[in-house]
Amino acid sequence: MNETYEERIANLVDTYYQDVFYFLYHFIGNQSDAEDITQEVFIRVLQALPRYDGRVRMKTWIFSIAKHAAIDLYRRRKFQRFFADWWFSELPAKDGLPEELFVEKERDQELKQAILALPLKYRLAIILRSIKGCSIKETAEILGISESKVKVDYHRAIKLIQKQLNVRTAGEGGKHVLGR
């Protein structure tokens, strides 16, 4: 079956739009900006599609474009506050006591703030590996770095998050567990 160019584009958007949006939402932290940049990503994909040579998987190629679009936005706003207050989607309602729910929400907020405080390269590694579930190889291809560099950046990011969470809770007499 020969797809028309329009059908191929529609197929790409249907297949990758939601993943790209969620990647950008987690990276940027703002739904409106994530929607705008997602549209920009697919405009860039359309413009670059004739040059796509198939050396990397389509998903990897599109995520690489998304990463560059997000970094471009970051650079345009380098003197403004870039990240919004919400990192993770609203948690579904859970059974439990109000104080347990409060503590859990507070821990999620602390984790979100710790991730947002990471240097850009570490934040990208955490988002791609932990939130988007990309493999080490996929992450390396998207970021344009070696697999060993992905492992190092990811490990350092985890250590920085753990250190930041331990510093925050040490004064409260409690021990914060990263994995909850």
N, C-alpha and C. Protein backbone atom coordinates (compact mmCIF):
# COMPACT_ATOMS: atom_id res chain seq x y z
N MET A 1 0.84 -1.18 0.00
CA MET A 1 0.00 0.00 0.00
C MET A 1 0.89 1.24 0.00
N ASN A 2 0.70 2.11 -0.97
CA ASN A 2 1.47 3.34 -1.06
C ASN A 2 0.71 4.45 -0.36
N GLU A 3 1.36 5.00 0.66
CA GLU A 3 0.76 6.11 1.39
C GLU A 3 1.02 7.41 0.65
N THR A 4 0.05 8.28 0.65
CA THR A 4 0.29 9.62 0.13
C THR A 4 1.10 10.38 1.17
N TYR A 5 1.68 11.48 0.77
CA TYR A 5 2.47 12.31 1.68
C TYR A 5 1.60 12.77 2.85
N GLU A 6 0.37 13.16 2.56
CA GLU A 6 -0.55 13.63 3.60
C GLU A 6 -0.89 12.52 4.58
N GLU A 7 -1.07 11.30 4.07
CA GLU A 7 -1.37 10.16 4.95
C GLU A 7 -0.16 9.84 5.83
N ARG A 8 1.02 9.95 5.27
CA ARG A 8 2.24 9.69 6.05
C ARG A 8 2.37 10.71 7.18
N ILE A 9 2.10 11.97 6.88
CA ILE A 9 2.16 13.01 7.90
C ILE A 9 1.12 12.75 8.99
N ALA A 10 -0.10 12.46 8.58
CA ALA A 10 -1.17 12.18 9.54
C ALA A 10 -0.80 10.99 10.42
N ASN A 11 -0.19 9.99 9.83
CA ASN A 11 0.26 8.81 10.56
C ASN A 11 1.33 9.18 11.60
N LEU A 12 2.29 10.01 11.21
CA LEU A 12 3.34 10.44 12.13
C LEU A 12 2.75 11.21 13.31
N VAL A 13 1.84 12.11 13.01
CA VAL A 13 1.22 12.91 14.07
C VAL A 13 0.42 12.01 15.00
N ASP A 14 -0.38 11.11 14.43
CA ASP A 14 -1.17 10.19 15.26
C ASP A 14 -0.28 9.32 16.13
N THR A 15 0.83 8.88 15.59
CA THR A 15 1.71 7.95 16.30
C THR A 15 2.53 8.63 17.39
N TYR A 16 3.05 9.83 17.13
CA TYR A 16 4.04 10.43 18.02
C TYR A 16 3.60 11.69 18.76
N TYR A 17 2.48 12.28 18.41
CA TYR A 17 2.09 13.56 18.99
C TYR A 17 2.01 13.50 20.52
N GLN A 18 1.29 12.51 21.04
CA GLN A 18 1.09 12.44 22.49
C GLN A 18 2.42 12.23 23.23
N ASP A 19 3.27 11.34 22.71
CA ASP A 19 4.57 11.11 23.35
C ASP A 19 5.43 12.37 23.36
N VAL A 20 5.45 13.08 22.24
CA VAL A 20 6.23 14.32 22.16
C VAL A 20 5.65 15.36 23.11
N PHE A 21 4.33 15.49 23.14
CA PHE A 21 3.71 16.45 24.05
C PHE A 21 4.09 16.16 25.50
N TYR A 22 3.96 14.90 25.94
CA TYR A 22 4.28 14.57 27.33
C TYR A 22 5.75 14.77 27.64
N PHE A 23 6.63 14.45 26.71
CA PHE A 23 8.06 14.71 26.89
C PHE A 23 8.27 16.20 27.12
N LEU A 24 7.70 17.02 26.26
CA LEU A 24 7.88 18.47 26.38
C LEU A 24 7.20 19.02 27.62
N TYR A 25 6.05 18.46 27.97
CA TYR A 25 5.36 18.92 29.18
C TYR A 25 6.23 18.65 30.41
N HIS A 26 6.83 17.49 30.49
CA HIS A 26 7.70 17.17 31.63
C HIS A 26 8.96 18.01 31.60
N PHE A 27 9.43 18.34 30.42
CA PHE A 27 10.64 19.15 30.31
C PHE A 27 10.36 20.61 30.65
N ILE A 28 9.26 21.14 30.14
CA ILE A 28 8.94 22.56 30.30
C ILE A 28 8.13 22.81 31.57
N GLY A 29 7.18 21.93 31.86
CA GLY A 29 6.37 22.08 33.06
C GLY A 29 5.14 22.94 32.86
N ASN A 30 4.85 23.32 31.64
CA ASN A 30 3.71 24.20 31.37
C ASN A 30 2.95 23.64 30.17
N GLN A 31 1.67 23.37 30.37
CA GLN A 31 0.87 22.72 29.33
C GLN A 31 0.76 23.58 28.06
N SER A 32 0.50 24.84 28.23
CA SER A 32 0.33 25.72 27.07
C SER A 32 1.61 25.79 26.23
N ASP A 33 2.74 25.99 26.90
CA ASP A 33 4.01 26.02 26.18
C ASP A 33 4.31 24.67 25.54
N ALA A 34 4.00 23.59 26.23
CA ALA A 34 4.24 22.25 25.68
C ALA A 34 3.40 22.04 24.42
N GLU A 35 2.16 22.52 24.43
CA GLU A 35 1.31 22.40 23.24
C GLU A 35 1.90 23.20 22.08
N ASP A 36 2.34 24.43 22.37
CA ASP A 36 2.92 25.27 21.32
C ASP A 36 4.19 24.65 20.74
N ILE A 37 5.06 24.18 21.60
CA ILE A 37 6.32 23.61 21.14
C ILE A 37 6.07 22.29 20.41
N THR A 38 5.09 21.52 20.85
CA THR A 38 4.76 20.27 20.15
C THR A 38 4.34 20.58 18.72
N GLN A 39 3.53 21.61 18.54
CA GLN A 39 3.15 22.01 17.19
C GLN A 39 4.37 22.44 16.38
N GLU A 40 5.25 23.19 17.04
CA GLU A 40 6.48 23.63 16.37
C GLU A 40 7.33 22.43 15.97
N VAL A 41 7.40 21.43 16.83
CA VAL A 41 8.17 20.22 16.52
C VAL A 41 7.64 19.57 15.26
N PHE A 42 6.33 19.44 15.15
CA PHE A 42 5.78 18.76 13.98
C PHE A 42 5.90 19.62 12.71
N ILE A 43 5.96 20.93 12.87
CA ILE A 43 6.26 21.78 11.71
C ILE A 43 7.70 21.52 11.26
N ARG A 44 8.62 21.43 12.23
CA ARG A 44 10.02 21.12 11.90
C ARG A 44 10.14 19.73 11.27
N VAL A 45 9.37 18.77 11.81
CA VAL A 45 9.38 17.42 11.24
C VAL A 45 8.93 17.46 9.79
N LEU A 46 7.86 18.18 9.52
CA LEU A 46 7.36 18.31 8.14
C LEU A 46 8.42 18.92 7.22
N GLN A 47 9.10 19.95 7.71
CA GLN A 47 10.11 20.61 6.91
C GLN A 47 11.32 19.71 6.66
N ALA A 48 11.66 18.89 7.65
CA ALA A 48 12.86 18.06 7.55
C ALA A 48 12.59 16.66 7.00
N LEU A 49 11.34 16.27 6.92
CA LEU A 49 10.99 14.91 6.50
C LEU A 49 11.63 14.49 5.17
N PRO A 50 11.68 15.35 4.17
CA PRO A 50 12.33 14.92 2.93
C PRO A 50 13.82 14.57 3.11
N ARG A 51 14.44 15.09 4.16
CA ARG A 51 15.86 14.81 4.42
C ARG A 51 16.06 13.64 5.39
N TYR A 52 14.98 13.10 5.94
CA TYR A 52 15.11 11.96 6.86
C TYR A 52 15.66 10.77 6.09
N ASP A 53 16.80 10.24 6.57
CA ASP A 53 17.48 9.17 5.82
C ASP A 53 17.32 7.78 6.43
N GLY A 54 16.64 7.68 7.55
CA GLY A 54 16.39 6.37 8.14
C GLY A 54 17.55 5.78 8.92
N ARG A 55 18.63 6.53 9.13
CA ARG A 55 19.77 5.99 9.89
C ARG A 55 19.41 5.73 11.35
N VAL A 56 18.49 6.53 11.88
CA VAL A 56 17.99 6.31 13.24
C VAL A 56 16.49 6.08 13.15
N ARG A 57 15.94 5.48 14.19
CA ARG A 57 14.49 5.24 14.19
C ARG A 57 13.73 6.56 14.12
N MET A 58 12.57 6.53 13.54
CA MET A 58 11.73 7.72 13.38
C MET A 58 11.47 8.37 14.74
N LYS A 59 11.15 7.56 15.75
CA LYS A 59 10.86 8.08 17.09
C LYS A 59 12.07 8.84 17.64
N THR A 60 13.25 8.26 17.48
CA THR A 60 14.47 8.90 17.96
C THR A 60 14.69 10.22 17.25
N TRP A 61 14.48 10.24 15.96
CA TRP A 61 14.67 11.44 15.15
C TRP A 61 13.70 12.54 15.60
N ILE A 62 12.44 12.19 15.80
CA ILE A 62 11.43 13.17 16.22
C ILE A 62 11.73 13.69 17.63
N PHE A 63 12.13 12.80 18.54
CA PHE A 63 12.46 13.24 19.90
C PHE A 63 13.70 14.14 19.90
N SER A 64 14.62 13.90 19.01
CA SER A 64 15.79 14.76 18.89
C SER A 64 15.36 16.17 18.47
N ILE A 65 14.44 16.24 17.53
CA ILE A 65 13.89 17.53 17.11
C ILE A 65 13.17 18.20 18.28
N ALA A 66 12.42 17.41 19.05
CA ALA A 66 11.70 17.95 20.22
C ALA A 66 12.68 18.48 21.26
N LYS A 67 13.74 17.75 21.49
CA LYS A 67 14.76 18.20 22.45
C LYS A 67 15.32 19.54 22.02
N HIS A 68 15.67 19.67 20.75
CA HIS A 68 16.24 20.93 20.26
C HIS A 68 15.22 22.07 20.32
N ALA A 69 13.97 21.78 20.06
CA ALA A 69 12.93 22.81 20.15
C ALA A 69 12.78 23.29 21.60
N ALA A 70 12.84 22.36 22.55
CA ALA A 70 12.73 22.72 23.97
C ALA A 70 13.94 23.55 24.41
N ILE A 71 15.12 23.16 23.95
CA ILE A 71 16.33 23.91 24.29
C ILE A 71 16.27 25.31 23.68
N ASP A 72 15.75 25.40 22.45
CA ASP A 72 15.58 26.72 21.83
C ASP A 72 14.67 27.60 22.67
N LEU A 73 13.57 27.05 23.16
CA LEU A 73 12.67 27.81 24.03
C LEU A 73 13.40 28.22 25.30
N TYR A 74 14.14 27.30 25.88
CA TYR A 74 14.90 27.57 27.10
C TYR A 74 15.86 28.74 26.87
N ARG A 75 16.54 28.74 25.75
CA ARG A 75 17.48 29.82 25.45
C ARG A 75 16.76 31.15 25.24
N ARG A 76 15.60 31.11 24.60
CA ARG A 76 14.84 32.34 24.37
C ARG A 76 14.38 32.95 25.69
N ARG A 77 14.23 32.13 26.69
CA ARG A 77 13.71 32.61 27.99
C ARG A 77 14.74 32.54 29.10
N LYS A 78 16.00 32.59 28.77
CA LYS A 78 17.01 32.33 29.79
C LYS A 78 16.98 33.32 30.95
N PHE A 79 16.42 34.50 30.77
CA PHE A 79 16.34 35.46 31.86
C PHE A 79 14.97 35.47 32.53
N GLN A 80 14.10 34.60 32.08
CA GLN A 80 12.77 34.49 32.69
C GLN A 80 12.68 33.19 33.47
N ARG A 81 11.74 33.13 34.35
CA ARG A 81 11.48 31.85 35.02
C ARG A 81 10.90 30.92 33.98
N PHE A 82 11.51 29.73 33.84
CA PHE A 82 11.17 28.85 32.73
C PHE A 82 10.21 27.74 33.13
N PHE A 83 10.33 27.24 34.31
CA PHE A 83 9.53 26.07 34.66
C PHE A 83 8.35 26.43 35.55
N ALA A 84 7.22 25.87 35.25
CA ALA A 84 6.00 26.11 36.03
C ALA A 84 6.03 25.27 37.30
N ASP A 85 5.03 25.46 38.14
CA ASP A 85 5.00 24.76 39.42
C ASP A 85 4.70 23.28 39.30
N TRP A 86 3.99 22.85 38.29
CA TRP A 86 3.61 21.44 38.22
C TRP A 86 4.53 20.66 37.33
N TRP A 87 5.09 19.59 37.86
CA TRP A 87 5.99 18.71 37.10
C TRP A 87 5.24 17.48 36.64
N PHE A 88 4.58 16.87 37.55
CA PHE A 88 3.87 15.64 37.23
C PHE A 88 2.40 15.94 37.03
N SER A 89 1.73 15.11 36.30
CA SER A 89 0.28 15.25 36.12
C SER A 89 -0.38 15.09 37.48
N GLU A 90 -1.57 15.59 37.59
CA GLU A 90 -2.31 15.43 38.84
C GLU A 90 -2.42 13.94 39.16
N LEU A 91 -2.18 13.62 40.39
CA LEU A 91 -2.27 12.23 40.81
C LEU A 91 -3.73 11.82 40.92
N PRO A 92 -4.05 10.59 40.53
CA PRO A 92 -5.43 10.15 40.70
C PRO A 92 -5.78 10.08 42.19
N ALA A 93 -7.05 10.19 42.48
CA ALA A 93 -7.49 10.12 43.87
C ALA A 93 -7.10 8.78 44.47
N LYS A 94 -6.64 8.82 45.72
CA LYS A 94 -6.20 7.60 46.39
C LYS A 94 -6.95 7.47 47.71
N ASP A 95 -7.11 6.24 48.12
CA ASP A 95 -7.68 6.00 49.43
C ASP A 95 -6.62 6.32 50.47
N GLY A 96 -7.03 6.78 51.60
CA GLY A 96 -6.08 7.05 52.66
C GLY A 96 -6.51 8.24 53.48
N LEU A 97 -5.80 8.43 54.55
CA LEU A 97 -6.08 9.55 55.43
C LEU A 97 -5.59 10.84 54.79
N PRO A 98 -6.25 11.94 55.09
CA PRO A 98 -5.84 13.22 54.51
C PRO A 98 -4.37 13.55 54.79
N GLU A 99 -3.89 13.24 55.99
CA GLU A 99 -2.49 13.55 56.28
C GLU A 99 -1.53 12.69 55.46
N GLU A 100 -1.90 11.43 55.17
CA GLU A 100 -1.07 10.58 54.32
C GLU A 100 -1.03 11.14 52.90
N LEU A 101 -2.18 11.58 52.42
CA LEU A 101 -2.24 12.16 51.09
C LEU A 101 -1.43 13.45 51.03
N PHE A 102 -1.49 14.24 52.09
CA PHE A 102 -0.71 15.48 52.15
C PHE A 102 0.78 15.18 52.11
N VAL A 103 1.22 14.21 52.89
CA VAL A 103 2.64 13.84 52.93
C VAL A 103 3.09 13.35 51.56
N GLU A 104 2.27 12.53 50.92
CA GLU A 104 2.64 12.02 49.60
C GLU A 104 2.72 13.14 48.58
N LYS A 105 1.78 14.06 48.63
CA LYS A 105 1.79 15.19 47.69
C LYS A 105 3.02 16.07 47.96
N GLU A 106 3.34 16.24 49.21
CA GLU A 106 4.52 17.03 49.58
C GLU A 106 5.80 16.37 49.06
N ARG A 107 5.89 15.05 49.18
CA ARG A 107 7.06 14.32 48.66
C ARG A 107 7.16 14.45 47.14
N ASP A 108 6.03 14.35 46.47
CA ASP A 108 6.03 14.52 45.01
C ASP A 108 6.51 15.92 44.63
N GLN A 109 6.07 16.91 45.38
CA GLN A 109 6.49 18.29 45.13
C GLN A 109 7.99 18.44 45.35
N GLU A 110 8.51 17.82 46.40
CA GLU A 110 9.95 17.87 46.67
C GLU A 110 10.74 17.21 45.54
N LEU A 111 10.26 16.08 45.08
CA LEU A 111 10.93 15.38 43.98
C LEU A 111 10.90 16.23 42.71
N LYS A 112 9.75 16.82 42.43
CA LYS A 112 9.62 17.69 41.26
C LYS A 112 10.61 18.84 41.34
N GLN A 113 10.70 19.49 42.48
CA GLN A 113 11.63 20.61 42.65
C GLN A 113 13.08 20.15 42.52
N ALA A 114 13.39 18.97 43.03
CA ALA A 114 14.75 18.45 42.90
C ALA A 114 15.11 18.20 41.44
N ILE A 115 14.17 17.67 40.68
CA ILE A 115 14.42 17.42 39.25
C ILE A 115 14.56 18.74 38.51
N LEU A 116 13.71 19.69 38.81
CA LEU A 116 13.78 21.00 38.14
C LEU A 116 15.09 21.72 38.45
N ALA A 117 15.70 21.43 39.59
CA ALA A 117 16.94 22.09 39.98
C ALA A 117 18.17 21.47 39.31
N LEU A 118 18.00 20.33 38.66
CA LEU A 118 19.13 19.66 38.01
C LEU A 118 19.65 20.48 36.84
N PRO A 119 20.96 20.37 36.57
CA PRO A 119 21.49 20.95 35.33
C PRO A 119 20.77 20.32 34.13
N LEU A 120 20.69 21.05 33.05
CA LEU A 120 19.93 20.65 31.87
C LEU A 120 20.25 19.23 31.39
N LYS A 121 21.54 18.89 31.27
CA LYS A 121 21.89 17.56 30.74
C LYS A 121 21.41 16.44 31.66
N TYR A 122 21.44 16.66 32.95
CA TYR A 122 20.97 15.64 33.89
C TYR A 122 19.45 15.54 33.85
N ARG A 123 18.78 16.69 33.75
CA ARG A 123 17.32 16.71 33.68
C ARG A 123 16.84 15.95 32.45
N LEU A 124 17.51 16.16 31.31
CA LEU A 124 17.14 15.44 30.09
C LEU A 124 17.29 13.94 30.28
N ALA A 125 18.39 13.51 30.89
CA ALA A 125 18.62 12.08 31.11
C ALA A 125 17.53 11.49 32.00
N ILE A 126 17.16 12.18 33.06
CA ILE A 126 16.12 11.70 33.97
C ILE A 126 14.77 11.63 33.26
N ILE A 127 14.42 12.67 32.53
CA ILE A 127 13.13 12.69 31.84
C ILE A 127 13.04 11.55 30.84
N LEU A 128 14.05 11.41 30.01
CA LEU A 128 14.00 10.38 28.97
C LEU A 128 14.03 8.97 29.55
N ARG A 129 14.90 8.73 30.53
CA ARG A 129 15.05 7.38 31.07
C ARG A 129 13.92 7.03 32.05
N SER A 130 13.64 7.90 33.00
CA SER A 130 12.70 7.55 34.07
C SER A 130 11.25 7.86 33.74
N ILE A 131 11.01 8.98 33.11
CA ILE A 131 9.63 9.39 32.86
C ILE A 131 9.13 8.85 31.53
N LYS A 132 9.94 8.97 30.47
CA LYS A 132 9.52 8.50 29.15
C LYS A 132 9.86 7.03 28.92
N GLY A 133 10.72 6.44 29.75
CA GLY A 133 11.03 5.03 29.63
C GLY A 133 11.91 4.66 28.45
N CYS A 134 12.69 5.61 27.96
CA CYS A 134 13.59 5.32 26.84
C CYS A 134 14.75 4.45 27.31
N SER A 135 15.23 3.62 26.41
CA SER A 135 16.41 2.81 26.72
C SER A 135 17.65 3.70 26.74
N ILE A 136 18.75 3.15 27.22
CA ILE A 136 20.01 3.89 27.22
C ILE A 136 20.39 4.26 25.79
N LYS A 137 20.23 3.30 24.88
CA LYS A 137 20.58 3.54 23.48
C LYS A 137 19.71 4.64 22.88
N GLU A 138 18.40 4.58 23.10
CA GLU A 138 17.49 5.61 22.58
C GLU A 138 17.82 6.98 23.16
N THR A 139 18.10 7.01 24.46
CA THR A 139 18.44 8.28 25.11
C THR A 139 19.72 8.85 24.51
N ALA A 140 20.71 8.00 24.29
CA ALA A 140 21.97 8.45 23.69
C ALA A 140 21.73 9.02 22.29
N GLU A 141 20.90 8.35 21.51
CA GLU A 141 20.62 8.82 20.15
C GLU A 141 19.87 10.15 20.18
N ILE A 142 18.89 10.28 21.06
CA ILE A 142 18.11 11.52 21.14
C ILE A 142 18.99 12.68 21.58
N LEU A 143 19.86 12.44 22.56
CA LEU A 143 20.69 13.52 23.10
C LEU A 143 21.96 13.74 22.29
N GLY A 144 22.29 12.79 21.42
CA GLY A 144 23.50 12.92 20.61
C GLY A 144 24.77 12.72 21.42
N ILE A 145 24.71 11.82 22.40
CA ILE A 145 25.87 11.52 23.24
C ILE A 145 26.06 10.01 23.29
N SER A 146 27.16 9.57 23.88
CA SER A 146 27.43 8.13 23.96
C SER A 146 26.56 7.47 25.02
N GLU A 147 26.41 6.16 24.91
CA GLU A 147 25.64 5.41 25.90
C GLU A 147 26.29 5.51 27.28
N SER A 148 27.62 5.49 27.33
CA SER A 148 28.29 5.60 28.63
C SER A 148 28.04 6.98 29.25
N LYS A 149 27.96 8.02 28.43
CA LYS A 149 27.67 9.36 28.94
C LYS A 149 26.24 9.42 29.50
N VAL A 150 25.31 8.73 28.85
CA VAL A 150 23.93 8.65 29.36
C VAL A 150 23.95 8.02 30.75
N LYS A 151 24.67 6.91 30.89
CA LYS A 151 24.73 6.22 32.18
C LYS A 151 25.31 7.13 33.26
N VAL A 152 26.40 7.84 32.92
CA VAL A 152 27.04 8.73 33.89
C VAL A 152 26.10 9.88 34.27
N ASP A 153 25.50 10.52 33.27
CA ASP A 153 24.60 11.64 33.55
C ASP A 153 23.40 11.20 34.38
N TYR A 154 22.85 10.04 34.05
CA TYR A 154 21.69 9.52 34.78
C TYR A 154 22.08 9.22 36.24
N HIS A 155 23.22 8.57 36.43
CA HIS A 155 23.69 8.23 37.77
C HIS A 155 23.94 9.51 38.59
N ARG A 156 24.58 10.48 37.97
CA ARG A 156 24.86 11.74 38.67
C ARG A 156 23.56 12.48 39.01
N ALA A 157 22.60 12.42 38.10
CA ALA A 157 21.31 13.06 38.36
C ALA A 157 20.63 12.43 39.57
N ILE A 158 20.63 11.10 39.62
CA ILE A 158 20.02 10.39 40.76
C ILE A 158 20.72 10.80 42.05
N LYS A 159 22.05 10.84 42.03
CA LYS A 159 22.80 11.22 43.23
C LYS A 159 22.47 12.65 43.66
N LEU A 160 22.37 13.57 42.71
CA LEU A 160 22.02 14.95 43.05
C LEU A 160 20.61 15.05 43.63
N ILE A 161 19.69 14.29 43.06
CA ILE A 161 18.31 14.29 43.57
C ILE A 161 18.29 13.74 44.99
N GLN A 162 18.98 12.63 45.20
CA GLN A 162 19.03 12.03 46.54
C GLN A 162 19.63 13.01 47.54
N LYS A 163 20.72 13.65 47.14
CA LYS A 163 21.38 14.60 48.03
C LYS A 163 20.45 15.76 48.37
N GLN A 164 19.79 16.30 47.36
CA GLN A 164 18.88 17.42 47.58
C GLN A 164 17.71 17.02 48.48
N LEU A 165 17.15 15.84 48.27
CA LEU A 165 16.03 15.40 49.09
C LEU A 165 16.48 15.11 50.51
N ASN A 166 17.66 14.57 50.69
CA ASN A 166 18.17 14.31 52.03
C ASN A 166 18.46 15.60 52.77
N VAL A 167 18.98 16.61 52.08
CA VAL A 167 19.24 17.90 52.71
C VAL A 167 17.94 18.54 53.16
N ARG A 168 16.91 18.45 52.34
CA ARG A 168 15.62 19.06 52.68
C ARG A 168 14.98 18.39 53.89
N THR A 169 15.11 17.07 53.99
CA THR A 169 14.41 16.37 55.06
C THR A 169 15.27 16.19 56.30
N ALA A 170 16.58 16.40 56.21
CA ALA A 170 17.44 16.23 57.37
C ALA A 170 17.05 17.19 58.49
N GLY A 171 16.68 18.40 58.12
CA GLY A 171 16.27 19.38 59.11
C GLY A 171 14.93 19.07 59.74
N GLU A 172 14.17 18.20 59.11
CA GLU A 172 12.84 17.85 59.61
C GLU A 172 12.89 16.57 60.44
N GLY A 173 14.07 15.99 60.58
CA GLY A 173 14.20 14.77 61.36
C GLY A 173 13.69 13.54 60.65
N GLY A 174 13.36 13.66 59.39
CA GLY A 174 12.83 12.52 58.65
C GLY A 174 13.80 12.09 57.57
N LYS A 175 13.59 10.89 57.10
CA LYS A 175 14.41 10.37 56.02
C LYS A 175 13.53 10.28 54.78
N HIS A 176 13.98 10.87 53.70
CA HIS A 176 13.21 10.86 52.46
C HIS A 176 13.69 9.72 51.59
N VAL A 177 12.77 8.95 51.10
CA VAL A 177 13.11 7.84 50.23
C VAL A 177 12.76 8.24 48.80
N LEU A 178 13.75 8.21 47.91
CA LEU A 178 13.53 8.64 46.54
C LEU A 178 12.47 7.81 45.86
N GLY A 179 12.52 6.51 46.02
CA GLY A 179 11.57 5.63 45.34
C GLY A 179 10.22 5.57 46.00
N ARG A 180 10.03 6.22 47.10
CA ARG A 180 8.77 6.23 47.85
C ARG A 180 8.45 4.85 48.22
